[in-house]
Amino acid sequence: MNIIPLPAFRDNYIWLIHDDRHAVAVDPGDASPVLDYLSAHGLTLSAVLVTHHHADHVGGLPALLKACPVPVFGPASEHIAGVSNPLSDGDSVTLPGLGLKLTVLDVPAHTAGHIAYHAPGLLFCGDTLFSAGCGRLFEGTVEQLEKALSRFAALDGDTRVYCTHEYTLSNLAFSRAADPDNPERDCYAAHCETLRAKGRPTLPSTIALEKDINPFLRTNEPSVIEAVRKHTGKTPESPLACLRALRTWKDSF
């Protein structure tokens, strides 16, 4: 099984899962990169997965479905034109042509109906979790974000994290402020800078790595709590309060 990042727009990735014959596209905000890759590699699109309703994740659906009329799996609680198979928490889907079985996780926060797709060893998390960061709260609450991140953190450490934006370097810049004494993060940042200098993606990450370098998954860490205290002038009284302060801080960083 191959999982390929197709760059789109300024910093999106459309993930293409394929077995050298059949392919499934994840969050196709633009149809062109998908259609070009399918044509260049002789692949047949068999399905589409969608995590949430934002245009940079679903904007390519009309053109893609016109060229390839396939089932589209997406969140049941969001109204997305083209979704034929609505999914909710605990549902499972076996990808046509690939046989890969995924379990659906409800992770509202970035949007009210955001979902993620999980199988042993991999996670397609849309805009909920980024490497060294997390998604803005456009429709959800900090409480929902904490629950979503906790669900991800409970997954096996070797689970590969396929998020959909190349935000890693900017997130690491914030991590340096929010978690200043973190040698694992510094090592990872150097690695990511080398990758980007070569034009290569920093993704996927892993759950274990994110728990070491992502301040939004480290709200119990004394170094993060102290950084929040220095920034806000107040010691957060709980991990939730720390997460709230981090998200507000990052919004204007």
Foldseek 3Di string as FASTA:
>chain_A
DDWDFQDDDPWWTWIWDDDLEEIETEQQLACVSVVVVCVVSVYAYAEYEYFDADNSRQVRQVVNCVVHVHAYEYDPPHDHPRHPHHDDAQDWDQGPPPRDIWGKHQQQFLHRGGIWTDDQQEIEREQQDDQLEGHAGPHHDLVSSVVNLVVQLPHDQNRWYRYTGQCNLVSLVLLCLQQVPAVLSVVLNVVCVVQVVVVHGSDGDTSNSSCRRHVLNVLVPPSNQVSLCVVPVDRQPDSSSSNVSSSVVVVVD
